[in-house]
C-alpha atoms as a PDB file:
ATOM      1  CA  MET A   1       7.568 -48.396  -3.835  1.00  0.00           C
ATOM      2  CA  LYS A   2       8.542 -46.222  -6.792  1.00  0.00           C
ATOM      3  CA  LYS A   3       9.989 -42.878  -5.766  1.00  0.00           C
ATOM      4  CA  LEU A   4       8.545 -39.702  -7.252  1.00  0.00           C
ATOM      5  CA  SER A   5      10.956 -37.309  -8.904  1.00  0.00           C
ATOM      6  CA  LYS A   6      11.547 -33.930  -7.260  1.00  0.00           C
ATOM      7  CA  ASN A   7       9.498 -32.179  -9.965  1.00  0.00           C
ATOM      8  CA  ARG A   8       6.581 -34.578  -9.564  1.00  0.00           C
ATOM      9  CA  VAL A   9       6.623 -34.161  -5.785  1.00  0.00           C
ATOM     10  CA  LYS A  10       6.590 -30.385  -6.225  1.00  0.00           C
ATOM     11  CA  LYS A  11       3.689 -30.548  -8.669  1.00  0.00           C
ATOM     12  CA  LYS A  12       1.726 -32.910  -6.457  1.00  0.00           C
ATOM     13  CA  GLY A  13       2.329 -30.666  -3.468  1.00  0.00           C
ATOM     14  CA  VAL A  14       0.997 -27.477  -5.057  1.00  0.00           C
ATOM     15  CA  ASN A  15      -1.985 -29.130  -6.739  1.00  0.00           C
ATOM     16  CA  LYS A  16      -3.922 -29.386  -3.492  1.00  0.00           C
ATOM     17  CA  PHE A  17      -3.973 -25.574  -3.295  1.00  0.00           C
ATOM     18  CA  ILE A  18      -4.957 -24.836  -6.902  1.00  0.00           C
ATOM     19  CA  ASN A  19      -8.322 -23.156  -7.493  1.00  0.00           C
ATOM     20  CA  LYS A  20      -8.940 -23.025  -3.762  1.00  0.00           C
ATOM     21  CA  ILE A  21     -10.024 -20.272  -1.387  1.00  0.00           C
ATOM     22  CA  ILE A  22      -7.984 -20.788   1.760  1.00  0.00           C
ATOM     23  CA  CYS A  23      -9.388 -19.068   4.835  1.00  0.00           C
ATOM     24  CA  ALA A  24      -6.334 -19.001   7.086  1.00  0.00           C
ATOM     25  CA  ASP A  25      -3.342 -16.970   8.220  1.00  0.00           C
ATOM     26  CA  SER A  26      -1.312 -16.140   5.111  1.00  0.00           C
ATOM     27  CA  LEU A  27       2.080 -16.662   6.715  1.00  0.00           C
ATOM     28  CA  LYS A  28       1.166 -20.141   7.923  1.00  0.00           C
ATOM     29  CA  LYS A  29      -0.301 -21.220   4.594  1.00  0.00           C
ATOM     30  CA  LEU A  30       2.523 -19.775   2.493  1.00  0.00           C
ATOM     31  CA  LYS A  31       4.923 -21.999   4.431  1.00  0.00           C
ATOM     32  CA  GLU A  32       3.001 -25.057   3.218  1.00  0.00           C
ATOM     33  CA  ILE A  33       3.374 -24.233  -0.468  1.00  0.00           C
ATOM     34  CA  PRO A  34       6.318 -25.958  -2.202  1.00  0.00           C
ATOM     35  CA  ASP A  35       9.427 -24.105  -3.366  1.00  0.00           C
ATOM     36  CA  ASP A  36       9.509 -22.831  -6.957  1.00  0.00           C
ATOM     37  CA  SER A  37       5.860 -23.655  -7.701  1.00  0.00           C
ATOM     38  CA  ILE A  38       4.040 -20.344  -8.372  1.00  0.00           C
ATOM     39  CA  ASP A  39       4.114 -18.394 -11.644  1.00  0.00           C
ATOM     40  CA  LEU A  40       2.674 -15.072 -10.506  1.00  0.00           C
ATOM     41  CA  ILE A  41       1.948 -13.435  -7.156  1.00  0.00           C
ATOM     42  CA  PHE A  42      -0.154 -10.332  -6.669  1.00  0.00           C
ATOM     43  CA  ALA A  43       0.031  -8.972  -3.137  1.00  0.00           C
ATOM     44  CA  ASP A  44      -2.125  -6.193  -1.725  1.00  0.00           C
ATOM     45  CA  PRO A  45      -0.885  -6.270   1.873  1.00  0.00           C
ATOM     46  CA  PRO A  46      -2.194  -4.182   4.767  1.00  0.00           C
ATOM     47  CA  TYR A  47      -1.097  -0.558   4.275  1.00  0.00           C
ATOM     48  CA  ASN A  48      -0.459   0.230   7.953  1.00  0.00           C
ATOM     49  CA  LEU A  49      -2.283   3.554   7.514  1.00  0.00           C
ATOM     50  CA  GLN A  50      -1.965   4.436  11.200  1.00  0.00           C
ATOM     51  CA  LEU A  51      -5.231   6.391  11.065  1.00  0.00           C
ATOM     52  CA  LYS A  52      -5.398   8.461  14.238  1.00  0.00           C
ATOM     53  CA  ASN A  53      -8.694  10.294  13.906  1.00  0.00           C
ATOM     54  CA  GLU A  54     -12.037   9.945  12.195  1.00  0.00           C
ATOM     55  CA  LEU A  55     -12.421  11.655   8.828  1.00  0.00           C
ATOM     56  CA  TRP A  56     -15.368  13.936   8.064  1.00  0.00           C
ATOM     57  CA  ARG A  57     -16.559  15.642   4.903  1.00  0.00           C
ATOM     58  CA  PRO A  58     -17.426  19.369   4.845  1.00  0.00           C
ATOM     59  CA  ASN A  59     -21.127  18.418   4.986  1.00  0.00           C
ATOM     60  CA  GLN A  60     -20.443  16.604   8.274  1.00  0.00           C
ATOM     61  CA  THR A  61     -20.865  13.091   6.884  1.00  0.00           C
ATOM     62  CA  LYS A  62     -18.310  10.547   8.025  1.00  0.00           C
ATOM     63  CA  VAL A  63     -15.783   9.151   5.525  1.00  0.00           C
ATOM     64  CA  ASP A  64     -15.796   5.357   5.279  1.00  0.00           C
ATOM     65  CA  ALA A  65     -12.017   5.130   5.746  1.00  0.00           C
ATOM     66  CA  VAL A  66      -9.693   2.171   6.296  1.00  0.00           C
ATOM     67  CA  ASN A  67      -9.865   1.420  10.019  1.00  0.00           C
ATOM     68  CA  ASP A  68     -10.032  -2.378   9.928  1.00  0.00           C
ATOM     69  CA  ASP A  69      -8.216  -4.416  12.564  1.00  0.00           C
ATOM     70  CA  TRP A  70      -6.176  -6.177   9.861  1.00  0.00           C
ATOM     71  CA  ASP A  71      -4.515  -2.839   9.005  1.00  0.00           C
ATOM     72  CA  LYS A  72      -3.271  -2.106  12.531  1.00  0.00           C
ATOM     73  CA  TYR A  73       0.296  -2.738  13.718  1.00  0.00           C
ATOM     74  CA  ASP A  74       2.337  -1.800  16.775  1.00  0.00           C
ATOM     75  CA  GLY A  75       4.579   0.639  14.950  1.00  0.00           C
ATOM     76  CA  PHE A  76       6.831   0.445  11.901  1.00  0.00           C
ATOM     77  CA  GLU A  77       9.153  -2.243  13.275  1.00  0.00           C
ATOM     78  CA  HIS A  78       6.247  -4.618  13.804  1.00  0.00           C
ATOM     79  CA  TYR A  79       4.967  -3.941  10.276  1.00  0.00           C
ATOM     80  CA  ASP A  80       8.441  -4.349   8.757  1.00  0.00           C
ATOM     81  CA  ARG A  81       8.933  -7.734  10.444  1.00  0.00           C
ATOM     82  CA  PHE A  82       5.575  -8.886   9.112  1.00  0.00           C
ATOM     83  CA  CYS A  83       6.442  -7.766   5.569  1.00  0.00           C
ATOM     84  CA  LYS A  84       9.842  -9.428   5.612  1.00  0.00           C
ATOM     85  CA  LYS A  85       8.294 -12.741   6.628  1.00  0.00           C
ATOM     86  CA  TRP A  86       5.644 -12.885   3.923  1.00  0.00           C
ATOM     87  CA  LEU A  87       7.953 -11.521   1.225  1.00  0.00           C
ATOM     88  CA  LYS A  88      10.601 -14.167   1.963  1.00  0.00           C
ATOM     89  CA  GLU A  89       7.959 -16.871   1.654  1.00  0.00           C
ATOM     90  CA  CYS A  90       6.711 -15.395  -1.612  1.00  0.00           C
ATOM     91  CA  GLN A  91      10.230 -15.325  -3.008  1.00  0.00           C
ATOM     92  CA  ARG A  92      10.734 -18.962  -1.984  1.00  0.00           C
ATOM     93  CA  ILE A  93       7.591 -20.226  -3.712  1.00  0.00           C
ATOM     94  CA  LEU A  94       8.077 -18.233  -6.918  1.00  0.00           C
ATOM     95  CA  LYS A  95       9.398 -20.175  -9.881  1.00  0.00           C
ATOM     96  CA  GLU A  96      12.670 -19.020 -11.435  1.00  0.00           C
ATOM     97  CA  THR A  97      10.483 -17.732 -14.277  1.00  0.00           C
ATOM     98  CA  GLY A  98       7.904 -16.201 -11.930  1.00  0.00           C
ATOM     99  CA  THR A  99       7.254 -12.626 -10.860  1.00  0.00           C
ATOM    100  CA  ILE A 100       5.550 -10.780  -8.028  1.00  0.00           C
ATOM    101  CA  TRP A 101       3.511  -7.580  -7.968  1.00  0.00           C
ATOM    102  CA  VAL A 102       3.071  -5.640  -4.719  1.00  0.00           C
ATOM    103  CA  ILE A 103       0.753  -2.646  -4.454  1.00  0.00           C
ATOM    104  CA  GLY A 104       0.760   0.048  -1.790  1.00  0.00           C
ATOM    105  CA  SER A 105       0.147   3.683  -0.942  1.00  0.00           C
ATOM    106  CA  TYR A 106       2.659   6.275   0.227  1.00  0.00           C
ATOM    107  CA  HIS A 107       2.092   4.980   3.768  1.00  0.00           C
ATOM    108  CA  ASN A 108       3.866   1.691   3.134  1.00  0.00           C
ATOM    109  CA  ILE A 109       5.201   1.198  -0.391  1.00  0.00           C
ATOM    110  CA  PHE A 110       8.639   2.712   0.281  1.00  0.00           C
ATOM    111  CA  ARG A 111       9.150   0.444   3.290  1.00  0.00           C
ATOM    112  CA  VAL A 112       7.894  -2.586   1.354  1.00  0.00           C
ATOM    113  CA  GLY A 113      10.096  -1.739  -1.633  1.00  0.00           C
ATOM    114  CA  LYS A 114      13.213  -1.670   0.547  1.00  0.00           C
ATOM    115  CA  ILE A 115      12.318  -4.996   2.128  1.00  0.00           C
ATOM    116  CA  MET A 116      11.748  -6.531  -1.306  1.00  0.00           C
ATOM    117  CA  GLN A 117      15.289  -5.548  -2.247  1.00  0.00           C
ATOM    118  CA  ASP A 118      16.647  -6.739   1.104  1.00  0.00           C
ATOM    119  CA  VAL A 119      15.260 -10.263   0.608  1.00  0.00           C
ATOM    120  CA  GLY A 120      16.716 -10.411  -2.914  1.00  0.00           C
ATOM    121  CA  LEU A 121      13.735  -9.736  -5.168  1.00  0.00           C
ATOM    122  CA  TRP A 122      14.799  -7.818  -8.283  1.00  0.00           C
ATOM    123  CA  THR A 123      12.674  -4.888  -9.421  1.00  0.00           C
ATOM    124  CA  LEU A 124      11.556  -4.834 -13.052  1.00  0.00           C
ATOM    125  CA  ASN A 125       9.210  -1.848 -12.974  1.00  0.00           C
ATOM    126  CA  ASP A 126       7.375   0.497 -10.677  1.00  0.00           C
ATOM    127  CA  VAL A 127       3.912   1.255 -12.038  1.00  0.00           C
ATOM    128  CA  THR A 128       1.798   4.198 -10.951  1.00  0.00           C
ATOM    129  CA  TRP A 129      -1.927   3.624 -10.710  1.00  0.00           C
ATOM    130  CA  VAL A 130      -3.415   7.053 -11.425  1.00  0.00           C
ATOM    131  CA  LYS A 131      -6.956   7.113 -10.054  1.00  0.00           C
ATOM    132  CA  SER A 132      -9.303   9.000 -12.336  1.00  0.00           C
ATOM    133  CA  ASN A 133     -11.778   9.498  -9.478  1.00  0.00           C
ATOM    134  CA  PRO A 134      -9.783   9.681  -6.226  1.00  0.00           C
ATOM    135  CA  MET A 135     -11.254  10.528  -2.859  1.00  0.00           C
ATOM    136  CA  PRO A 136     -10.726  14.282  -2.312  1.00  0.00           C
ATOM    137  CA  ASN A 137      -8.751  15.731   0.578  1.00  0.00           C
ATOM    138  CA  PHE A 138     -11.704  17.069   2.542  1.00  0.00           C
ATOM    139  CA  MET A 139      -9.647  19.141   4.971  1.00  0.00           C
ATOM    140  CA  GLY A 140      -7.844  20.982   2.176  1.00  0.00           C
ATOM    141  CA  THR A 141      -4.543  20.664   4.022  1.00  0.00           C
ATOM    142  CA  ARG A 142      -2.548  18.859   1.305  1.00  0.00           C
ATOM    143  CA  PHE A 143      -2.761  17.441  -2.210  1.00  0.00           C
ATOM    144  CA  THR A 144      -5.408  14.860  -3.008  1.00  0.00           C
ATOM    145  CA  ASN A 145      -3.902  11.365  -2.877  1.00  0.00           C
ATOM    146  CA  ALA A 146      -4.618  10.253  -6.421  1.00  0.00           C
ATOM    147  CA  THR A 147      -2.096   7.444  -6.962  1.00  0.00           C
ATOM    148  CA  GLU A 148      -0.881   4.104  -5.676  1.00  0.00           C
ATOM    149  CA  THR A 149       2.339   2.340  -6.635  1.00  0.00           C
ATOM    150  CA  LEU A 150       2.831  -1.205  -7.871  1.00  0.00           C
ATOM    151  CA  ILE A 151       6.286  -2.800  -7.759  1.00  0.00           C
ATOM    152  CA  TRP A 152       6.888  -5.618 -10.253  1.00  0.00           C
ATOM    153  CA  ALA A 153       9.843  -7.867  -9.451  1.00  0.00           C
ATOM    154  CA  LYS A 154      11.405 -11.211 -10.381  1.00  0.00           C
ATOM    155  CA  LYS A 155      12.706 -13.877  -7.997  1.00  0.00           C
ATOM    156  CA  HIS A 156      16.311 -12.619  -7.959  1.00  0.00           C
ATOM    157  CA  GLU A 157      18.758 -10.653 -10.092  1.00  0.00           C
ATOM    158  CA  ASN A 158      19.849 -13.582 -12.251  1.00  0.00           C
ATOM    159  CA  ALA A 159      16.417 -15.143 -12.760  1.00  0.00           C
ATOM    160  CA  LYS A 160      15.627 -15.554 -16.444  1.00  0.00           C
ATOM    161  CA  GLY A 161      12.607 -16.338 -18.583  1.00  0.00           C
ATOM    162  CA  TYR A 162       9.909 -14.367 -16.803  1.00  0.00           C
ATOM    163  CA  THR A 163       6.725 -13.656 -18.750  1.00  0.00           C
ATOM    164  CA  PHE A 164       6.021 -10.230 -20.240  1.00  0.00           C
ATOM    165  CA  ASN A 165       3.349 -10.141 -22.922  1.00  0.00           C
ATOM    166  CA  TYR A 166       4.637  -7.007 -24.614  1.00  0.00           C
ATOM    167  CA  GLN A 167       2.616  -7.224 -27.812  1.00  0.00           C
ATOM    168  CA  LEU A 168      -0.596  -8.006 -25.965  1.00  0.00           C
ATOM    169  CA  MET A 169      -0.224  -4.969 -23.719  1.00  0.00           C
ATOM    170  CA  LYS A 170       0.169  -2.737 -26.775  1.00  0.00           C
ATOM    171  CA  LYS A 171      -3.420  -3.678 -27.658  1.00  0.00           C
ATOM    172  CA  PHE A 172      -4.534  -1.897 -24.475  1.00  0.00           C
ATOM    173  CA  ASN A 173      -2.724   1.262 -25.581  1.00  0.00           C
ATOM    174  CA  LYS A 174      -3.912   1.681 -29.173  1.00  0.00           C
ATOM    175  CA  GLY A 175      -0.949  -0.199 -30.604  1.00  0.00           C
ATOM    176  CA  LYS A 176       1.676   1.794 -28.720  1.00  0.00           C
ATOM    177  CA  GLN A 177       4.123   0.588 -26.087  1.00  0.00           C
ATOM    178  CA  MET A 178       2.357   0.251 -22.733  1.00  0.00           C
ATOM    179  CA  ARG A 179       3.473   2.893 -20.252  1.00  0.00           C
ATOM    180  CA  SER A 180       4.018   2.557 -16.527  1.00  0.00           C
ATOM    181  CA  ASP A 181       1.256   5.015 -15.621  1.00  0.00           C
ATOM    182  CA  TRP A 182      -2.152   3.366 -15.652  1.00  0.00           C
ATOM    183  CA  TYR A 183      -5.237   5.600 -15.587  1.00  0.00           C
ATOM    184  CA  ILE A 184      -7.953   3.502 -13.952  1.00  0.00           C
ATOM    185  CA  SER A 185     -10.891   4.546 -11.808  1.00  0.00           C
ATOM    186  CA  ILE A 186     -11.224   3.260  -8.261  1.00  0.00           C
ATOM    187  CA  CYS A 187     -13.605   0.390  -7.672  1.00  0.00           C
ATOM    188  CA  ASN A 188     -17.137   1.749  -7.590  1.00  0.00           C
ATOM    189  CA  SER A 189     -20.628   1.427  -9.070  1.00  0.00           C
ATOM    190  CA  LYS A 190     -21.765  -2.170  -9.758  1.00  0.00           C
ATOM    191  CA  GLU A 191     -18.271  -3.602  -9.322  1.00  0.00           C
ATOM    192  CA  ARG A 192     -18.045  -2.495  -5.696  1.00  0.00           C
ATOM    193  CA  ILE A 193     -19.248  -5.316  -3.453  1.00  0.00           C
ATOM    194  CA  ARG A 194     -21.644  -4.114  -0.735  1.00  0.00           C
ATOM    195  CA  ASP A 195     -23.603  -5.745   2.067  1.00  0.00           C
ATOM    196  CA  LYS A 196     -27.386  -5.692   2.476  1.00  0.00           C
ATOM    197  CA  GLU A 197     -27.208  -2.238   4.057  1.00  0.00           C
ATOM    198  CA  GLY A 198     -25.248  -0.866   1.104  1.00  0.00           C
ATOM    199  CA  LYS A 199     -21.968  -0.615   3.031  1.00  0.00           C
ATOM    200  CA  LYS A 200     -18.689  -1.522   1.316  1.00  0.00           C
ATOM    201  CA  VAL A 201     -17.679  -5.077   2.208  1.00  0.00           C
ATOM    202  CA  HIS A 202     -13.961  -4.307   1.816  1.00  0.00           C
ATOM    203  CA  SER A 203     -12.417  -0.879   2.312  1.00  0.00           C
ATOM    204  CA  THR A 204      -9.686  -1.302  -0.331  1.00  0.00           C
ATOM    205  CA  GLN A 205     -11.274  -3.464  -3.046  1.00  0.00           C
ATOM    206  CA  LYS A 206      -9.258  -3.149  -6.251  1.00  0.00           C
ATOM    207  CA  PRO A 207     -10.868  -2.709  -9.701  1.00  0.00           C
ATOM    208  CA  GLU A 208     -10.800  -5.675 -12.086  1.00  0.00           C
ATOM    209  CA  LYS A 209      -9.178  -3.564 -14.802  1.00  0.00           C
ATOM    210  CA  LEU A 210      -6.079  -3.109 -12.637  1.00  0.00           C
ATOM    211  CA  LEU A 211      -5.752  -6.863 -12.110  1.00  0.00           C
ATOM    212  CA  ARG A 212      -6.451  -7.479 -15.784  1.00  0.00           C
ATOM    213  CA  TYR A 213      -3.361  -5.466 -16.690  1.00  0.00           C
ATOM    214  CA  VAL A 214      -1.273  -7.272 -14.067  1.00  0.00           C
ATOM    215  CA  ILE A 215      -2.357 -10.801 -14.933  1.00  0.00           C
ATOM    216  CA  LEU A 216      -2.467 -10.493 -18.709  1.00  0.00           C
ATOM    217  CA  SER A 217       0.890  -8.716 -18.863  1.00  0.00           C
ATOM    218  CA  SER A 218       2.882 -11.170 -16.773  1.00  0.00           C
ATOM    219  CA  SER A 219       1.334 -14.638 -16.993  1.00  0.00           C
ATOM    220  CA  LYS A 220       0.205 -17.217 -19.525  1.00  0.00           C
ATOM    221  CA  GLU A 221      -2.925 -19.356 -19.734  1.00  0.00           C
ATOM    222  CA  GLY A 222      -2.623 -22.250 -17.319  1.00  0.00           C
ATOM    223  CA  ASP A 223      -0.186 -20.406 -15.016  1.00  0.00           C
ATOM    224  CA  ILE A 224      -0.740 -20.443 -11.251  1.00  0.00           C
ATOM    225  CA  VAL A 225      -1.636 -17.025  -9.805  1.00  0.00           C
ATOM    226  CA  LEU A 226      -1.517 -16.561  -6.023  1.00  0.00           C
ATOM    227  CA  ASP A 227      -2.851 -13.736  -3.849  1.00  0.00           C
ATOM    228  CA  PRO A 228      -1.844 -13.991  -0.160  1.00  0.00           C
ATOM    229  CA  PHE A 229      -4.154 -11.130   0.935  1.00  0.00           C
ATOM    230  CA  ALA A 230      -7.070 -11.889  -1.347  1.00  0.00           C
ATOM    231  CA  GLY A 231      -9.820  -9.776   0.234  1.00  0.00           C
ATOM    232  CA  THR A 232     -12.905  -9.989  -1.976  1.00  0.00           C
ATOM    233  CA  GLY A 233     -11.057 -12.097  -4.557  1.00  0.00           C
ATOM    234  CA  THR A 234     -10.521  -9.712  -7.467  1.00  0.00           C
ATOM    235  CA  THR A 235      -7.252 -11.447  -8.368  1.00  0.00           C
ATOM    236  CA  GLY A 236      -8.917 -14.848  -8.462  1.00  0.00           C
ATOM    237  CA  ALA A 237     -11.902 -13.560 -10.426  1.00  0.00           C
ATOM    238  CA  VAL A 238      -9.697 -12.108 -13.173  1.00  0.00           C
ATOM    239  CA  ALA A 239      -7.407 -15.155 -13.184  1.00  0.00           C
ATOM    240  CA  LYS A 240     -10.375 -17.490 -13.646  1.00  0.00           C
ATOM    241  CA  LYS A 241     -11.870 -15.359 -16.427  1.00  0.00           C
ATOM    242  CA  TYR A 242      -8.615 -15.505 -18.382  1.00  0.00           C
ATOM    243  CA  GLY A 243      -7.773 -19.180 -18.028  1.00  0.00           C
ATOM    244  CA  ARG A 244      -5.270 -19.037 -15.189  1.00  0.00           C
ATOM    245  CA  LYS A 245      -5.185 -21.307 -12.150  1.00  0.00           C
ATOM    246  CA  TRP A 246      -5.523 -19.470  -8.861  1.00  0.00           C
ATOM    247  CA  ILE A 247      -4.862 -19.682  -5.131  1.00  0.00           C
ATOM    248  CA  MET A 248      -6.588 -17.174  -2.834  1.00  0.00           C
ATOM    249  CA  ILE A 249      -5.617 -16.797   0.829  1.00  0.00           C
ATOM    250  CA  ASP A 250      -7.254 -14.566   3.437  1.00  0.00           C
ATOM    251  CA  ASN A 251      -7.860 -14.951   7.156  1.00  0.00           C
ATOM    252  CA  GLU A 252     -11.153 -13.023   7.301  1.00  0.00           C
ATOM    253  CA  GLU A 253     -14.103 -15.436   7.184  1.00  0.00           C
ATOM    254  CA  ASN A 254     -16.462 -12.823   5.754  1.00  0.00           C
ATOM    255  CA  TYR A 255     -14.112 -12.116   2.849  1.00  0.00           C
ATOM    256  CA  CYS A 256     -13.738 -15.835   2.177  1.00  0.00           C
ATOM    257  CA  LYS A 257     -17.514 -16.200   2.011  1.00  0.00           C
ATOM    258  CA  ILE A 258     -17.741 -13.300  -0.452  1.00  0.00           C
ATOM    259  CA  MET A 259     -14.923 -14.801  -2.529  1.00  0.00           C
ATOM    260  CA  LYS A 260     -16.660 -18.156  -2.734  1.00  0.00           C
ATOM    261  CA  GLU A 261     -19.857 -16.548  -3.999  1.00  0.00           C
ATOM    262  CA  ARG A 262     -17.909 -14.425  -6.454  1.00  0.00           C
ATOM    263  CA  MET A 263     -15.840 -17.272  -7.867  1.00  0.00           C
ATOM    264  CA  ASN A 264     -18.879 -19.549  -8.189  1.00  0.00           C
ATOM    265  CA  SER A 265     -20.658 -16.852 -10.192  1.00  0.00           C
ATOM    266  CA  ILE A 266     -17.956 -16.945 -12.902  1.00  0.00           C
ATOM    267  CA  LYS A 267     -19.047 -19.687 -15.266  1.00  0.00           C
ATOM    268  CA  ASP A 268     -17.166 -19.046 -18.503  1.00  0.00           C
ATOM    269  CA  ARG A 269     -13.687 -17.800 -19.184  1.00  0.00           C
ATOM    270  CA  VAL A 270     -13.255 -14.740 -21.402  1.00  0.00           C
ATOM    271  CA  VAL A 271     -12.264 -15.732 -24.930  1.00  0.00           C
ATOM    272  CA  TRP A 272     -10.330 -14.166 -27.778  1.00  0.00           C
ATOM    273  CA  LEU A 273     -12.253 -12.601 -30.655  1.00  0.00           C
ATOM    274  CA  GLU A 274     -11.259 -13.351 -34.260  1.00  0.00           C
ATOM    275  CA  GLU A 275      -9.446 -10.025 -34.560  1.00  0.00           C
ATOM    276  CA  HIS A 276      -7.372 -10.948 -31.463  1.00  0.00           C
ATOM    277  CA  LYS A 277      -8.857  -8.235 -29.278  1.00  0.00           C
ATOM    278  CA  LEU A 278     -10.022  -9.010 -25.757  1.00  0.00           C
ATOM    279  CA  ARG A 279     -13.691  -8.985 -24.874  1.00  0.00           C
ATOM    280  CA  PHE A 280     -14.489  -7.029 -21.722  1.00  0.00           C
END
């Protein structure tokens, strides 16, 4: 029997995951993905908000806050161990030319950033998502939390050849160099996925515009984009629209069902116009 080369084995191994929604534990599935096989990872991990009490507006209506079971951990050490495990797997599966984006709030991003450095990932940028319509601080006890942070990193310090579509990103900023502060509204209106009762399906659904910046800035058509905490599948939806391959992993069956419906609804990829501007 003819032996496959190492590269062909690697390609064959990752192909079974491509353009698939995988409803399973992320850590277990990441271990099955071959080394050096993924071009781009976007990770929106649990924030470990440690919400102690219910939140109420001044008009005595309850705030639909993040209190899902998937966001609960037995203290910081437990959360840190979890982050180290999934980040090490992400680093392993990234190509030498690949990069990873991790998003978080002030509750977790500083811990995650340290762990990223500890496992050897090399930071390229920190990007601030400035929310144009943040949820107000109803108690009036501190500043309104109007930002989240994204950390963009490559596989290790000496990794070369990562993708950054500099000229393309200038088109989003009126021909000027793209800055690291992105003014984007939170996911709402028609984009927000809701159930039959009108309740948000996912408490931290990210807007497509945010993922558009991430994916178009740091990947090429045909690249493999992976999201280990896919939620409602925004990463996959944007990847599919712009001609990328995608792998979505989440262990919540309801989210996986929503993702399947969402991905099936995307029939045509977004194309370039003659003047080389993107259609939105």
